[in-house]
Amino acid sequence: MYSASMHEGMEGPHLFEITVKTNDPANAEKKLLVRANWAARDAKVRPTK
């Protein structure tokens, strides 16, 4: 399980790039891209798609 939290003032869209090591000698690493739109818990706006 992977979890993350943002400090106050860090709201908005983010793109996380996580490198994953594989057991495939021809492709030893893969990149996992995670797109997130963080909003404050008490935000009055809905996150965009």
C-alpha atoms as a PDB file:
ATOM      1  CA  MET A   1       0.000   0.000   0.000  1.00  0.00           C
ATOM      2  CA  TYR A   2       1.291   3.455  -0.900  1.00  0.00           C
ATOM      3  CA  SER A   3       0.009   6.556   0.796  1.00  0.00           C
ATOM      4  CA  ALA A   4       0.959  10.199   0.627  1.00  0.00           C
ATOM      5  CA  SER A   5      -0.050  13.441   2.245  1.00  0.00           C
ATOM      6  CA  MET A   6       0.451  17.060   1.292  1.00  0.00           C
ATOM      7  CA  HIS A   7       1.382  19.997   3.458  1.00  0.00           C
ATOM      8  CA  GLU A   8      -0.953  22.976   3.670  1.00  0.00           C
ATOM      9  CA  GLY A   9      -0.770  25.106   0.525  1.00  0.00           C
ATOM     10  CA  MET A  10       0.175  22.191  -1.747  1.00  0.00           C
ATOM     11  CA  GLU A  11      -3.307  21.700  -3.236  1.00  0.00           C
ATOM     12  CA  GLY A  12      -3.807  21.241  -6.953  1.00  0.00           C
ATOM     13  CA  PRO A  13      -2.740  18.890  -9.693  1.00  0.00           C
ATOM     14  CA  HIS A  14       0.352  16.723  -9.274  1.00  0.00           C
ATOM     15  CA  LEU A  15       2.079  14.043 -11.326  1.00  0.00           C
ATOM     16  CA  PHE A  16       4.027  11.427  -9.381  1.00  0.00           C
ATOM     17  CA  GLU A  17       6.565   9.208 -11.138  1.00  0.00           C
ATOM     18  CA  ILE A  18       7.426   5.958  -9.335  1.00  0.00           C
ATOM     19  CA  THR A  19      10.172   3.700 -10.677  1.00  0.00           C
ATOM     20  CA  VAL A  20       9.418  -0.003 -10.268  1.00  0.00           C
ATOM     21  CA  LYS A  21      12.139  -2.623 -10.637  1.00  0.00           C
ATOM     22  CA  THR A  22      11.137  -5.764 -12.565  1.00  0.00           C
ATOM     23  CA  ASN A  23      12.608  -9.233 -12.984  1.00  0.00           C
ATOM     24  CA  ASP A  24      12.663  -8.828 -16.776  1.00  0.00           C
ATOM     25  CA  PRO A  25      16.313  -8.476 -17.933  1.00  0.00           C
ATOM     26  CA  ALA A  26      15.197  -6.740 -21.141  1.00  0.00           C
ATOM     27  CA  ASN A  27      13.190  -4.142 -19.208  1.00  0.00           C
ATOM     28  CA  ALA A  28      14.686  -3.899 -15.699  1.00  0.00           C
ATOM     29  CA  GLU A  29      12.679  -0.814 -14.685  1.00  0.00           C
ATOM     30  CA  LYS A  30       9.210   0.502 -15.460  1.00  0.00           C
ATOM     31  CA  LYS A  31       7.776   3.883 -14.575  1.00  0.00           C
ATOM     32  CA  LEU A  32       4.403   4.149 -12.896  1.00  0.00           C
ATOM     33  CA  LEU A  33       2.778   7.553 -13.387  1.00  0.00           C
ATOM     34  CA  VAL A  34       0.108   8.663 -10.935  1.00  0.00           C
ATOM     35  CA  ARG A  35      -1.880  11.799 -11.647  1.00  0.00           C
ATOM     36  CA  ALA A  36      -3.708  13.330  -8.676  1.00  0.00           C
ATOM     37  CA  ASN A  37      -5.600  16.531  -7.966  1.00  0.00           C
ATOM     38  CA  TRP A  38      -5.244  17.226  -4.260  1.00  0.00           C
ATOM     39  CA  ALA A  39      -7.853  19.297  -2.476  1.00  0.00           C
ATOM     40  CA  ALA A  40      -7.985  20.410   1.130  1.00  0.00           C
ATOM     41  CA  ARG A  41     -10.395  18.386   3.266  1.00  0.00           C
ATOM     42  CA  ASP A  42     -12.534  21.435   3.923  1.00  0.00           C
ATOM     43  CA  ALA A  43     -12.346  22.738   0.335  1.00  0.00           C
ATOM     44  CA  LYS A  44     -15.572  24.138  -1.081  1.00  0.00           C
ATOM     45  CA  VAL A  45     -14.569  23.315  -4.671  1.00  0.00           C
ATOM     46  CA  ARG A  46     -14.745  19.971  -6.422  1.00  0.00           C
ATOM     47  CA  PRO A  47     -11.538  18.566  -7.938  1.00  0.00           C
ATOM     48  CA  THR A  48     -11.301  18.744 -11.738  1.00  0.00           C
ATOM     49  CA  LYS A  49     -11.273  15.645 -13.892  1.00  0.00           C
END
